[in-house]
């Protein structure tokens, strides 16, 4: 990743944007400390597929069953 200071970024913004369009990332720093990162914009988010965590998440058969009376009493206390 290329790193430039703020002054260089302002002076050469068009050139830096061309590099970003070609897939390169540019780190902008002030006083040697990173403050921003120029990355290509991805207008097309990836498609989400339903059921991706089907094998990871398990919902108990009694998920929507009523809570026991003694536990419900704790909520009223």
N, C-alpha and C. Protein backbone atom coordinates (compact mmCIF):
# COMPACT_ATOMS: atom_id res chain seq x y z
N UNK A 1 0.85 -1.17 0.00
CA UNK A 1 0.00 0.00 0.00
C UNK A 1 0.89 1.23 0.00
N UNK A 2 0.58 2.15 -0.88
CA UNK A 2 1.34 3.38 -1.00
C UNK A 2 0.93 4.35 0.10
N UNK A 3 1.88 5.08 0.66
CA UNK A 3 1.61 6.06 1.71
C UNK A 3 2.07 7.44 1.25
N UNK A 4 1.19 8.43 1.42
CA UNK A 4 1.53 9.81 1.05
C UNK A 4 1.10 10.74 2.17
N UNK A 5 1.75 11.91 2.24
CA UNK A 5 1.32 12.89 3.24
C UNK A 5 0.16 13.71 2.67
N UNK A 6 -0.49 14.49 3.53
CA UNK A 6 -1.67 15.25 3.13
C UNK A 6 -1.36 16.22 2.00
N UNK A 7 -0.24 16.91 2.08
CA UNK A 7 0.12 17.88 1.04
C UNK A 7 0.26 17.19 -0.31
N UNK A 8 0.96 16.06 -0.33
CA UNK A 8 1.13 15.32 -1.59
C UNK A 8 -0.21 14.81 -2.10
N UNK A 9 -1.09 14.39 -1.20
CA UNK A 9 -2.41 13.90 -1.61
C UNK A 9 -3.22 15.02 -2.25
N UNK A 10 -3.18 16.21 -1.67
CA UNK A 10 -3.91 17.34 -2.25
C UNK A 10 -3.33 17.73 -3.59
N UNK A 11 -2.00 17.72 -3.70
CA UNK A 11 -1.33 18.13 -4.93
C UNK A 11 -1.56 17.13 -6.06
N UNK A 12 -1.60 15.85 -5.74
CA UNK A 12 -1.66 14.80 -6.76
C UNK A 12 -2.92 13.95 -6.69
N UNK A 13 -4.03 14.54 -6.28
CA UNK A 13 -5.25 13.76 -6.08
C UNK A 13 -5.68 13.02 -7.34
N UNK A 14 -5.65 13.66 -8.48
CA UNK A 14 -6.08 12.99 -9.73
C UNK A 14 -5.22 11.76 -10.02
N UNK A 15 -3.92 11.89 -9.84
CA UNK A 15 -3.01 10.76 -10.08
C UNK A 15 -3.28 9.64 -9.08
N UNK A 16 -3.51 10.00 -7.83
CA UNK A 16 -3.79 8.98 -6.81
C UNK A 16 -5.10 8.27 -7.10
N UNK A 17 -6.10 9.02 -7.56
CA UNK A 17 -7.38 8.40 -7.88
C UNK A 17 -7.26 7.42 -9.04
N UNK A 18 -6.41 7.72 -10.01
CA UNK A 18 -6.18 6.78 -11.11
C UNK A 18 -5.57 5.49 -10.59
N UNK A 19 -4.65 5.61 -9.64
CA UNK A 19 -4.02 4.42 -9.05
C UNK A 19 -5.06 3.60 -8.28
N UNK A 20 -5.94 4.29 -7.58
CA UNK A 20 -6.99 3.60 -6.83
C UNK A 20 -7.95 2.89 -7.78
N UNK A 21 -8.28 3.54 -8.90
CA UNK A 21 -9.15 2.90 -9.90
C UNK A 21 -8.54 1.61 -10.43
N UNK A 22 -7.22 1.53 -10.42
CA UNK A 22 -6.54 0.34 -10.91
C UNK A 22 -6.37 -0.70 -9.80
N UNK A 23 -6.97 -0.45 -8.62
CA UNK A 23 -6.97 -1.44 -7.56
C UNK A 23 -5.99 -1.19 -6.43
N UNK A 24 -5.16 -0.18 -6.54
CA UNK A 24 -4.18 0.10 -5.49
C UNK A 24 -4.85 0.87 -4.35
N UNK A 25 -4.39 0.64 -3.13
CA UNK A 25 -4.87 1.40 -1.99
C UNK A 25 -3.82 2.44 -1.62
N UNK A 26 -4.27 3.61 -1.15
CA UNK A 26 -3.37 4.69 -0.81
C UNK A 26 -3.66 5.12 0.63
N UNK A 27 -2.63 5.16 1.44
CA UNK A 27 -2.74 5.60 2.82
C UNK A 27 -2.31 7.06 2.90
N UNK A 28 -3.15 7.90 3.51
CA UNK A 28 -2.84 9.32 3.66
C UNK A 28 -2.48 9.56 5.12
N UNK A 29 -1.32 10.20 5.33
CA UNK A 29 -0.82 10.41 6.68
C UNK A 29 -0.57 11.89 6.94
N UNK A 30 -0.71 12.25 8.21
CA UNK A 30 -0.38 13.62 8.64
C UNK A 30 0.67 13.47 9.74
N UNK A 31 1.83 14.05 9.51
CA UNK A 31 2.91 13.94 10.49
C UNK A 31 3.34 12.51 10.73
N UNK A 32 3.23 11.68 9.70
CA UNK A 32 3.64 10.28 9.80
C UNK A 32 2.58 9.37 10.38
N UNK A 33 1.47 9.92 10.88
CA UNK A 33 0.40 9.10 11.45
C UNK A 33 -0.72 8.92 10.43
N UNK A 34 -1.12 7.70 10.16
CA UNK A 34 -2.19 7.45 9.19
C UNK A 34 -3.50 8.09 9.62
N UNK A 35 -4.19 8.74 8.67
CA UNK A 35 -5.48 9.36 8.99
C UNK A 35 -6.60 8.92 8.05
N UNK A 36 -6.24 8.43 6.86
CA UNK A 36 -7.28 8.01 5.91
C UNK A 36 -6.70 7.00 4.94
N UNK A 37 -7.61 6.26 4.30
CA UNK A 37 -7.19 5.28 3.31
C UNK A 37 -8.10 5.42 2.11
N UNK A 38 -7.51 5.59 0.92
CA UNK A 38 -8.27 5.63 -0.33
C UNK A 38 -8.32 4.21 -0.87
N UNK A 39 -9.53 3.72 -1.10
CA UNK A 39 -9.71 2.37 -1.63
C UNK A 39 -10.71 2.44 -2.77
N UNK A 40 -10.66 1.49 -3.70
CA UNK A 40 -11.63 1.48 -4.80
C UNK A 40 -13.05 1.33 -4.25
N UNK A 41 -13.99 2.03 -4.87
CA UNK A 41 -15.39 1.95 -4.49
C UNK A 41 -16.02 0.77 -5.20
N UNK A 42 -16.68 -0.08 -4.44
CA UNK A 42 -17.34 -1.24 -5.02
C UNK A 42 -18.84 -0.96 -5.01
N UNK A 43 -19.39 -0.56 -6.16
CA UNK A 43 -20.80 -0.19 -6.25
C UNK A 43 -21.72 -1.40 -6.18
N UNK A 44 -21.22 -2.56 -6.49
CA UNK A 44 -22.02 -3.78 -6.48
C UNK A 44 -21.66 -4.62 -5.27
N UNK A 45 -22.45 -4.53 -4.20
CA UNK A 45 -22.16 -5.38 -3.04
C UNK A 45 -22.37 -6.84 -3.41
N UNK A 46 -21.63 -7.69 -2.75
CA UNK A 46 -21.77 -9.12 -3.03
C UNK A 46 -23.17 -9.62 -2.69
N UNK A 47 -23.62 -10.60 -3.40
CA UNK A 47 -24.95 -11.17 -3.14
C UNK A 47 -24.91 -11.95 -1.84
N UNK A 48 -25.94 -11.77 -1.06
CA UNK A 48 -26.06 -12.50 0.19
C UNK A 48 -26.90 -13.74 -0.07
N UNK A 49 -26.45 -14.84 0.44
CA UNK A 49 -27.23 -16.06 0.27
C UNK A 49 -27.89 -16.41 1.60
N UNK A 50 -29.14 -16.80 1.52
CA UNK A 50 -29.88 -17.17 2.71
C UNK A 50 -29.42 -18.53 3.22
N UNK A 51 -29.44 -18.68 4.53
CA UNK A 51 -29.09 -19.97 5.13
C UNK A 51 -27.60 -20.22 5.24
N UNK A 52 -26.79 -19.19 5.16
CA UNK A 52 -25.34 -19.37 5.22
C UNK A 52 -24.84 -19.93 6.53
N UNK A 53 -25.57 -19.69 7.62
CA UNK A 53 -25.16 -20.19 8.94
C UNK A 53 -26.04 -21.36 9.39
N UNK A 54 -26.67 -21.99 8.47
CA UNK A 54 -27.58 -23.09 8.79
C UNK A 54 -26.92 -24.16 9.65
N UNK A 55 -25.67 -24.46 9.40
CA UNK A 55 -24.97 -25.50 10.14
C UNK A 55 -24.36 -24.98 11.44
N UNK A 56 -24.37 -23.67 11.65
CA UNK A 56 -23.73 -23.07 12.82
C UNK A 56 -24.75 -22.75 13.92
N UNK A 57 -25.90 -22.24 13.52
CA UNK A 57 -26.91 -21.80 14.47
C UNK A 57 -27.96 -22.89 14.65
N UNK A 58 -28.30 -23.17 15.92
CA UNK A 58 -29.34 -24.16 16.20
C UNK A 58 -30.38 -23.52 17.10
N UNK A 59 -31.64 -23.65 16.73
CA UNK A 59 -32.74 -23.13 17.52
C UNK A 59 -33.45 -24.32 18.15
N UNK A 60 -33.56 -24.28 19.47
CA UNK A 60 -34.17 -25.39 20.21
C UNK A 60 -35.63 -25.57 19.82
N UNK A 61 -36.11 -26.79 19.91
CA UNK A 61 -37.50 -27.08 19.56
C UNK A 61 -38.48 -26.32 20.45
N UNK A 62 -38.10 -26.07 21.71
CA UNK A 62 -38.99 -25.38 22.64
C UNK A 62 -38.66 -23.88 22.74
N UNK A 63 -38.09 -23.31 21.68
CA UNK A 63 -37.67 -21.92 21.66
C UNK A 63 -38.78 -20.97 22.10
N UNK A 64 -39.99 -21.20 21.63
CA UNK A 64 -41.09 -20.28 21.92
C UNK A 64 -42.04 -20.80 23.01
N UNK A 65 -41.59 -21.78 23.78
CA UNK A 65 -42.40 -22.31 24.87
C UNK A 65 -42.45 -21.31 26.02
N UNK A 66 -43.50 -21.39 26.81
CA UNK A 66 -43.64 -20.50 27.97
C UNK A 66 -42.55 -20.80 28.98
N UNK A 67 -42.12 -19.76 29.69
CA UNK A 67 -41.11 -19.93 30.74
C UNK A 67 -41.77 -20.53 31.98
N UNK A 68 -41.01 -21.26 32.79
CA UNK A 68 -41.56 -21.81 34.05
C UNK A 68 -42.01 -20.67 34.96
N UNK A 69 -43.02 -20.95 35.79
CA UNK A 69 -43.58 -19.93 36.68
C UNK A 69 -42.55 -19.33 37.61
N UNK A 70 -41.62 -20.15 38.16
CA UNK A 70 -40.62 -19.62 39.09
C UNK A 70 -39.68 -18.64 38.40
N UNK A 71 -39.38 -18.87 37.13
CA UNK A 71 -38.52 -17.94 36.39
C UNK A 71 -39.29 -16.67 36.03
N UNK A 72 -40.54 -16.80 35.67
CA UNK A 72 -41.36 -15.63 35.38
C UNK A 72 -41.52 -14.75 36.62
N UNK A 73 -41.58 -15.37 37.79
CA UNK A 73 -41.72 -14.63 39.05
C UNK A 73 -40.49 -13.75 39.28
N UNK A 74 -39.32 -14.19 38.85
CA UNK A 74 -38.09 -13.40 39.02
C UNK A 74 -38.16 -12.09 38.23
N UNK A 75 -38.89 -12.08 37.14
CA UNK A 75 -39.01 -10.86 36.34
C UNK A 75 -39.94 -9.84 37.00
N UNK A 76 -40.85 -10.32 37.80
CA UNK A 76 -41.79 -9.43 38.48
C UNK A 76 -41.24 -8.88 39.79
N UNK A 77 -40.15 -9.43 40.27
CA UNK A 77 -39.61 -9.02 41.57
C UNK A 77 -39.05 -7.64 41.57
